[in-house]
Amino acid sequence: MRRSVAVVGGGVAGALLTLRLAELAGGARIELYLGAATRHRDATTASGGLVRGFETNLDDCRLAAESLAELRRDPALARAAGYRESTSSYFLRPGADPEPQLALLDDLLGGSARLVPAEQAARTLGLAPRPAGTVAVVERHAGHVHPDALRHHALTRAAAAGARVHPETVDSVTAGPAVTVGGVARQRDAVVVAAGAWSDALVPVSLRTRRIQYGVYPLARPDLGCLVDDVSTLYGRSYQAGSVLLGVATSAWGAPPGDDRVDTAYLERVSDVARSVLALDGPLPPPRLSVAAVDGFADRDGLRLRPVDGMPGVFSFTGGAGGAAKSVLASSRRAAATVCASIDLEPPQMSEHPVPVGRGPGEQASR
């Protein structure tokens, strides 16, 4: 009997999982229901798209590094995702020990990352001095992608590989497993809910929703690269000429899915934090563009495939919290292998440790 898998949710996570399944599960029927992703600004559309290898959690670091390695060794994928390479500077909280992550990055990304005194890294970027005793992880090979472009690339490739992409919204997911669309239940061998902030409405996954927001500001900092400051929660990257993308972590928990209204009070906070960290003489100028969306946060471990309690054959694939762009390539590969195994489909053997790469797309020989 032909096996069948339904993926619910057309964000970058659902799109890439569908592609991986279509490529791995030869002969199986793979379906994707786009649902709310076609009608709202979702987290994929809103994401700033920062990609790097370093993460403070070691498991997250492995997924991010594997994803970046795949992106850099596949020029066609990099072009489709709009990958632009730059440095990344991650300022850690005092007392942090990133040595295990640095060893991992050395294995997977060929010495791209190094530990730098925060004072030195801040001076290089023109930042205000960071707290005493802190350090920064600086990566030569990082940058950003356009997650929405990566989503559409994955959807196109998935359809070409035989997956069926439906615009409909799934009304419910039930044990069996089955999806109900337009009042009609459709039995499947496995169902994966990858609906981001909407996931909890379909299956009990204990997500917390939170608004994510950033702005694009007319500020000339072309050498900023990608920046994360754990102490202030400021993050950003160089944008187009003469502008930067900047944001800080929000505390808007419980925001309703699909709410893309811009919080003006948040803009004042970004201005205050940016003025302090970027050593500005005055407040930030008004943003040229403000972007907001709502994403789902898992209690732990970020974007992972998780079985849904009490619903055999049903999984969730969400919890990326606005930052899934960094890890979605590796996470979707692992998730697809697990789904295939759950329905007795044997995918080809895949390495857990991608081969380290050399120069990537856009990297100059002098680097």
Protein backbone atom coordinates (compact mmCIF):
# COMPACT_ATOMS: atom_id res chain seq x y z
CA MET A 1 0.00 0.00 0.00
CA ARG A 2 1.24 3.46 -0.87
CA ARG A 3 2.23 5.42 2.23
CA SER A 4 0.99 8.98 2.74
CA VAL A 5 2.12 11.96 4.80
CA ALA A 6 0.35 15.28 5.29
CA VAL A 7 2.24 18.41 6.33
CA VAL A 8 0.10 21.21 7.74
CA GLY A 9 1.54 24.72 7.44
CA GLY A 10 3.31 26.50 4.60
CA GLY A 11 6.02 28.46 6.38
CA VAL A 12 9.68 27.83 5.67
CA ALA A 13 9.67 24.88 8.11
CA GLY A 14 6.69 23.16 6.48
CA ALA A 15 7.92 23.87 2.97
CA LEU A 16 11.40 22.46 3.57
CA LEU A 17 10.03 19.44 5.43
CA THR A 18 7.76 18.73 2.46
CA LEU A 19 10.72 18.96 0.10
CA ARG A 20 12.84 16.64 2.25
CA LEU A 21 10.01 14.11 2.47
CA ALA A 22 9.40 14.24 -1.29
CA GLU A 23 13.10 13.60 -1.92
CA LEU A 24 13.50 10.87 0.71
CA ALA A 25 10.21 8.99 0.62
CA GLY A 26 10.21 7.79 -2.95
CA GLY A 27 6.78 6.50 -3.96
CA ALA A 28 5.00 7.90 -0.91
CA ARG A 29 2.20 10.44 -1.26
CA ILE A 30 3.39 13.73 0.27
CA GLU A 31 0.90 16.58 0.70
CA LEU A 32 1.31 20.10 2.05
CA TYR A 33 -1.59 22.29 3.16
CA LEU A 34 -0.51 25.93 3.06
CA GLY A 35 -3.33 27.30 5.19
CA ALA A 36 -2.80 30.61 6.98
CA ALA A 37 0.63 31.16 5.42
CA THR A 38 -1.12 32.28 2.23
CA ARG A 39 -3.28 34.92 3.92
CA HIS A 40 -1.27 36.51 6.73
CA ARG A 41 2.16 37.92 7.33
CA ASP A 42 3.69 34.90 9.00
CA ALA A 43 7.00 34.55 10.80
CA THR A 44 8.70 33.39 7.59
CA THR A 45 7.74 36.58 5.79
CA ALA A 46 8.78 38.73 8.74
CA SER A 47 12.06 37.02 9.60
CA GLY A 48 15.22 39.08 9.29
CA GLY A 49 16.97 35.93 8.08
CA LEU A 50 20.22 36.05 10.08
CA VAL A 51 22.26 32.87 9.62
CA ARG A 52 25.37 31.86 11.51
CA GLY A 53 26.89 28.78 13.07
CA PHE A 54 27.08 29.89 16.69
CA GLU A 55 24.26 29.35 19.17
CA THR A 56 24.51 29.32 22.97
CA ASN A 57 22.78 25.91 23.13
CA LEU A 58 25.09 23.17 21.82
CA ASP A 59 22.36 21.21 20.01
CA ASP A 60 21.07 24.41 18.40
CA CYS A 61 24.64 25.23 17.43
CA ARG A 62 25.05 21.91 15.62
CA LEU A 63 21.83 22.43 13.65
CA ALA A 64 22.75 26.02 12.76
CA ALA A 65 26.26 25.02 11.69
CA GLU A 66 25.04 22.08 9.60
CA SER A 67 22.48 24.36 7.94
CA LEU A 68 25.06 27.01 7.15
CA ALA A 69 27.45 24.38 5.79
CA GLU A 70 24.76 23.08 3.44
CA LEU A 71 23.90 26.59 2.31
CA ARG A 72 27.51 27.48 1.56
CA ARG A 73 28.36 24.30 -0.33
CA ASP A 74 25.27 24.51 -2.61
CA PRO A 75 25.53 27.61 -4.83
CA ALA A 76 22.09 27.04 -6.38
CA LEU A 77 20.46 26.86 -2.95
CA ALA A 78 22.38 29.92 -1.77
CA ARG A 79 21.22 31.94 -4.79
CA ALA A 80 17.61 30.82 -4.39
CA ALA A 81 17.65 31.75 -0.69
CA GLY A 82 19.21 35.16 -1.40
CA TYR A 83 22.22 34.32 0.76
CA ARG A 84 24.58 37.23 1.36
CA GLU A 85 27.74 36.52 3.28
CA SER A 86 29.11 38.77 6.02
CA THR A 87 30.76 38.50 9.39
CA SER A 88 28.71 37.73 12.49
CA SER A 89 29.54 39.05 15.97
CA TYR A 90 27.77 37.45 18.92
CA PHE A 91 28.42 39.20 22.27
CA LEU A 92 27.89 36.79 25.16
CA ARG A 93 26.76 37.42 28.70
CA PRO A 94 29.53 37.61 31.32
CA GLY A 95 30.68 34.16 32.45
CA ALA A 96 29.58 32.29 29.31
CA ASP A 97 31.83 29.45 28.12
CA PRO A 98 31.52 28.94 24.34
CA GLU A 99 34.45 26.51 23.97
CA PRO A 100 32.30 23.43 23.14
CA GLN A 101 30.51 25.39 20.42
CA LEU A 102 33.79 26.70 19.02
CA ALA A 103 35.16 23.16 18.76
CA LEU A 104 32.00 22.08 16.94
CA LEU A 105 32.18 25.03 14.54
CA ASP A 106 35.81 24.24 13.82
CA ASP A 107 34.75 20.74 12.74
CA LEU A 108 31.75 21.79 10.67
CA LEU A 109 32.75 25.18 9.27
CA GLY A 110 36.50 24.94 8.94
CA GLY A 111 37.70 27.48 11.49
CA SER A 112 35.19 30.19 10.60
CA ALA A 113 34.62 31.20 14.24
CA ARG A 114 37.00 32.61 16.84
CA LEU A 115 36.73 33.97 20.35
CA VAL A 116 37.54 37.67 20.66
CA PRO A 117 37.62 39.94 23.73
CA ALA A 118 34.42 41.97 23.69
CA GLU A 119 36.38 45.21 23.90
CA GLN A 120 38.28 44.36 20.71
CA ALA A 121 35.17 43.23 18.80
CA ALA A 122 33.21 46.31 19.90
CA ARG A 123 36.00 48.62 18.81
CA THR A 124 36.15 46.95 15.38
CA LEU A 125 32.41 47.51 14.87
CA GLY A 126 32.33 51.00 16.38
CA LEU A 127 30.19 49.91 19.33
CA ALA A 128 30.15 51.24 22.85
CA PRO A 129 32.32 49.23 25.29
CA ARG A 130 30.61 46.02 26.36
CA PRO A 131 30.44 44.82 29.99
CA ALA A 132 33.77 43.92 31.59
CA GLY A 133 34.86 40.30 31.23
CA THR A 134 32.62 39.51 28.29
CA VAL A 135 33.68 37.91 25.01
CA ALA A 136 32.40 37.80 21.46
CA VAL A 137 32.23 34.93 18.99
CA VAL A 138 33.14 36.35 15.60
CA GLU A 139 32.44 34.30 12.47
CA ARG A 140 33.91 35.09 9.07
CA HIS A 141 31.37 32.97 7.19
CA ALA A 142 27.84 33.96 8.18
CA GLY A 143 25.29 36.40 6.79
CA HIS A 144 21.61 36.40 5.97
CA VAL A 145 19.02 34.81 3.72
CA HIS A 146 15.51 35.74 2.67
CA PRO A 147 13.39 33.04 4.35
CA ASP A 148 10.39 33.80 2.14
CA ALA A 149 12.53 33.19 -0.96
CA LEU A 150 13.81 29.96 0.58
CA ARG A 151 10.21 28.91 1.24
CA HIS A 152 9.16 29.48 -2.37
CA HIS A 153 12.25 27.68 -3.65
CA ALA A 154 11.39 24.68 -1.45
CA LEU A 155 7.76 24.70 -2.59
CA THR A 156 8.79 24.72 -6.26
CA ARG A 157 11.27 21.90 -5.78
CA ALA A 158 8.83 19.88 -3.66
CA ALA A 159 6.17 20.07 -6.37
CA ALA A 160 8.73 19.05 -8.99
CA ALA A 161 9.65 16.06 -6.79
CA GLY A 162 6.03 14.92 -6.73
CA ALA A 163 4.58 16.54 -3.61
CA ARG A 164 1.07 17.96 -3.85
CA VAL A 165 0.69 21.51 -2.52
CA HIS A 166 -2.82 22.56 -1.51
CA PRO A 167 -3.87 26.14 -0.64
CA GLU A 168 -6.60 24.93 1.73
CA THR A 169 -6.65 25.36 5.49
CA VAL A 170 -6.87 22.21 7.62
CA ASP A 171 -9.87 22.41 9.94
CA SER A 172 -8.60 19.84 12.42
CA VAL A 173 -6.04 17.11 13.01
CA THR A 174 -7.23 13.96 14.77
CA ALA A 175 -5.83 10.68 15.98
CA GLY A 176 -5.80 8.00 13.34
CA PRO A 177 -4.07 10.08 12.06
CA ALA A 178 -6.24 12.26 9.81
CA VAL A 179 -6.67 15.82 8.59
CA THR A 180 -10.08 17.34 8.05
CA VAL A 181 -10.36 19.78 5.15
CA GLY A 182 -13.68 21.36 4.19
CA GLY A 183 -15.48 18.98 6.53
CA VAL A 184 -13.99 15.87 4.94
CA ALA A 185 -11.59 13.69 6.96
CA ARG A 186 -8.58 12.38 5.06
CA GLN A 187 -6.73 9.45 6.63
CA ARG A 188 -2.93 9.53 6.38
CA ASP A 189 -0.09 7.40 7.70
CA ALA A 190 1.53 10.41 9.37
CA VAL A 191 0.57 14.04 9.90
CA VAL A 192 3.06 16.78 10.76
CA VAL A 193 1.74 20.11 12.03
CA ALA A 194 4.20 22.85 11.05
CA ALA A 195 1.84 25.77 11.48
CA GLY A 196 3.96 28.00 13.71
CA ALA A 197 1.85 30.17 16.00
CA TRP A 198 -1.30 28.45 14.70
CA SER A 199 -0.11 24.96 15.75
CA ASP A 200 -1.71 24.97 19.20
CA ALA A 201 -5.13 25.43 17.60
CA LEU A 202 -4.72 22.06 15.86
CA VAL A 203 -2.78 19.87 18.30
CA PRO A 204 -1.70 20.22 21.95
CA VAL A 205 1.92 21.34 21.62
CA SER A 206 2.16 23.86 24.49
CA LEU A 207 3.49 26.71 22.41
CA ARG A 208 3.67 30.25 23.70
CA THR A 209 3.13 32.99 21.16
CA ARG A 210 5.10 36.21 21.09
CA ARG A 211 5.31 39.19 18.79
CA ILE A 212 8.52 39.62 16.83
CA GLN A 213 9.30 43.04 15.42
CA TYR A 214 12.17 44.97 13.88
CA GLY A 215 12.78 48.08 11.81
CA VAL A 216 14.98 49.16 8.93
CA TYR A 217 16.68 52.43 9.84
CA PRO A 218 18.50 55.02 7.69
CA LEU A 219 21.83 54.58 9.41
CA ALA A 220 25.14 54.10 7.64
CA ARG A 221 26.93 51.20 9.33
CA PRO A 222 28.15 49.15 6.35
CA ASP A 223 30.67 47.17 8.43
CA LEU A 224 28.18 46.04 11.06
CA GLY A 225 27.65 42.62 9.48
CA CYS A 226 25.35 40.48 11.64
CA LEU A 227 25.15 41.45 15.30
CA VAL A 228 23.67 39.84 18.42
CA ASP A 229 24.21 41.32 21.88
CA ASP A 230 22.95 38.95 24.58
CA VAL A 231 23.10 41.56 27.34
CA SER A 232 20.91 44.21 25.68
CA THR A 233 19.07 41.70 23.36
CA LEU A 234 19.84 44.00 20.40
CA TYR A 235 20.19 42.18 17.10
CA GLY A 236 20.61 43.42 13.56
CA ARG A 237 22.53 43.38 10.33
CA SER A 238 23.64 45.62 7.54
CA TYR A 239 20.75 46.13 5.15
CA GLN A 240 20.81 47.99 1.87
CA ALA A 241 23.23 50.87 1.32
CA GLY A 242 22.87 53.46 4.06
CA SER A 243 20.53 51.43 6.28
CA VAL A 244 20.53 48.74 8.97
CA LEU A 245 17.99 46.25 10.28
CA LEU A 246 17.64 46.48 14.07
CA GLY A 247 15.44 44.87 16.71
CA VAL A 248 15.35 43.83 20.34
CA ALA A 249 13.60 40.90 22.02
CA THR A 250 9.99 41.76 22.81
CA SER A 251 7.93 40.81 25.86
CA ALA A 252 4.61 40.71 24.00
CA TRP A 253 3.64 37.18 25.08
CA GLY A 254 0.24 35.83 24.17
CA ALA A 255 -0.08 37.82 20.95
CA PRO A 256 -2.75 36.36 18.63
CA PRO A 257 -1.46 34.49 15.54
CA GLY A 258 -1.54 36.61 12.40
CA ASP A 259 -1.36 39.94 14.28
CA ASP A 260 1.10 42.04 12.27
CA ARG A 261 0.35 45.42 13.83
CA VAL A 262 3.43 47.49 14.64
CA ASP A 263 3.91 48.38 18.32
CA THR A 264 5.02 52.02 18.42
CA ALA A 265 6.19 51.77 22.04
CA TYR A 266 8.61 49.08 20.93
CA LEU A 267 10.21 51.52 18.50
CA GLU A 268 11.19 53.76 21.42
CA ARG A 269 12.85 50.85 23.19
CA VAL A 270 14.83 49.90 20.09
CA SER A 271 15.99 53.50 19.78
CA ASP A 272 17.14 53.62 23.41
CA VAL A 273 19.01 50.30 23.24
CA ALA A 274 20.56 51.02 19.84
CA ARG A 275 21.73 54.44 20.99
CA SER A 276 23.55 52.81 23.92
CA VAL A 277 25.05 49.81 22.09
CA LEU A 278 25.89 51.50 18.78
CA ALA A 279 27.33 54.57 20.53
CA LEU A 280 25.05 57.00 18.71
CA ASP A 281 25.06 60.73 19.44
CA GLY A 282 21.27 60.88 19.45
CA PRO A 283 18.16 58.73 19.02
CA LEU A 284 17.65 56.52 15.99
CA PRO A 285 15.94 58.24 13.07
CA PRO A 286 12.43 56.93 12.31
CA PRO A 287 12.50 53.56 10.56
CA ARG A 288 11.98 53.38 6.82
CA LEU A 289 10.18 50.10 7.35
CA SER A 290 8.71 48.34 10.39
CA VAL A 291 7.90 44.63 10.32
CA ALA A 292 5.90 42.66 12.88
CA ALA A 293 4.51 39.14 13.13
CA VAL A 294 3.69 36.51 15.75
CA ASP A 295 5.59 33.26 16.16
CA GLY A 296 5.36 30.24 18.45
CA PHE A 297 7.95 29.46 21.10
CA ALA A 298 8.45 25.90 22.34
CA ASP A 299 9.36 25.40 25.99
CA ARG A 300 12.76 24.10 24.92
CA ASP A 301 14.96 23.12 21.98
CA GLY A 302 13.65 25.42 19.26
CA LEU A 303 12.65 23.98 15.87
CA ARG A 304 12.37 20.21 16.34
CA LEU A 305 10.09 17.36 15.29
CA ARG A 306 8.08 16.25 18.35
CA PRO A 307 5.49 13.47 18.67
CA VAL A 308 2.14 14.79 19.90
CA ASP A 309 1.09 13.12 23.16
CA GLY A 310 -1.87 10.78 22.82
CA MET A 311 -1.96 11.05 19.02
CA PRO A 312 0.10 8.25 17.42
CA GLY A 313 1.35 9.18 13.98
CA VAL A 314 0.93 12.92 14.61
CA PHE A 315 3.96 15.20 15.04
CA SER A 316 4.60 18.89 15.43
CA PHE A 317 7.46 20.67 13.68
CA THR A 318 7.57 24.16 15.06
CA GLY A 319 8.98 26.21 17.90
CA GLY A 320 11.50 28.18 15.87
CA ALA A 321 10.61 31.46 17.56
CA GLY A 322 11.40 33.67 14.60
CA GLY A 323 14.92 32.28 14.27
CA ALA A 324 14.26 29.06 12.35
CA ALA A 325 16.11 30.38 9.29
CA LYS A 326 19.39 29.48 11.00
CA SER A 327 18.59 25.81 11.55
CA VAL A 328 15.75 24.85 9.23
CA LEU A 329 17.89 23.13 6.60
CA ALA A 330 19.34 20.63 9.07
CA SER A 331 16.21 20.38 11.23
CA SER A 332 14.01 19.55 8.25
CA ARG A 333 16.42 16.87 7.07
CA ARG A 334 16.37 15.15 10.46
CA ALA A 335 12.63 15.54 10.82
CA ALA A 336 11.98 13.94 7.42
CA ALA A 337 14.17 10.94 8.29
CA THR A 338 12.26 10.45 11.56
CA VAL A 339 8.87 10.65 9.82
CA CYS A 340 9.97 8.16 7.18
CA ALA A 341 11.16 5.72 9.84
CA SER A 342 7.86 6.06 11.72
CA ILE A 343 5.91 4.71 8.73
CA ASP A 344 8.50 2.10 7.73
CA LEU A 345 9.97 4.03 4.85
CA GLU A 346 13.73 3.72 4.74
CA PRO A 347 15.36 6.92 3.53
CA PRO A 348 18.92 6.89 2.20
CA GLN A 349 21.69 7.12 4.78
CA MET A 350 22.51 10.74 5.63
CA SER A 351 25.55 12.05 7.44
CA GLU A 352 24.91 13.75 10.75
CA HIS A 353 28.11 15.71 10.18
CA PRO A 354 28.25 17.53 6.84
CA VAL A 355 31.67 17.76 5.25
CA PRO A 356 33.38 21.06 6.14
CA VAL A 357 33.34 23.51 3.28
CA GLY A 358 35.90 25.88 1.89
CA ARG A 359 35.15 29.17 0.23
CA GLY A 360 31.43 29.72 -0.20
CA PRO A 361 29.46 31.78 -2.69
CA GLY A 362 30.40 35.41 -2.65
CA GLU A 363 33.58 34.85 -0.57
CA GLN A 364 36.66 36.61 -1.89
CA ALA A 365 39.88 34.67 -2.25
CA SER A 366 41.67 37.08 0.13
CA ARG A 367 39.42 36.16 3.06
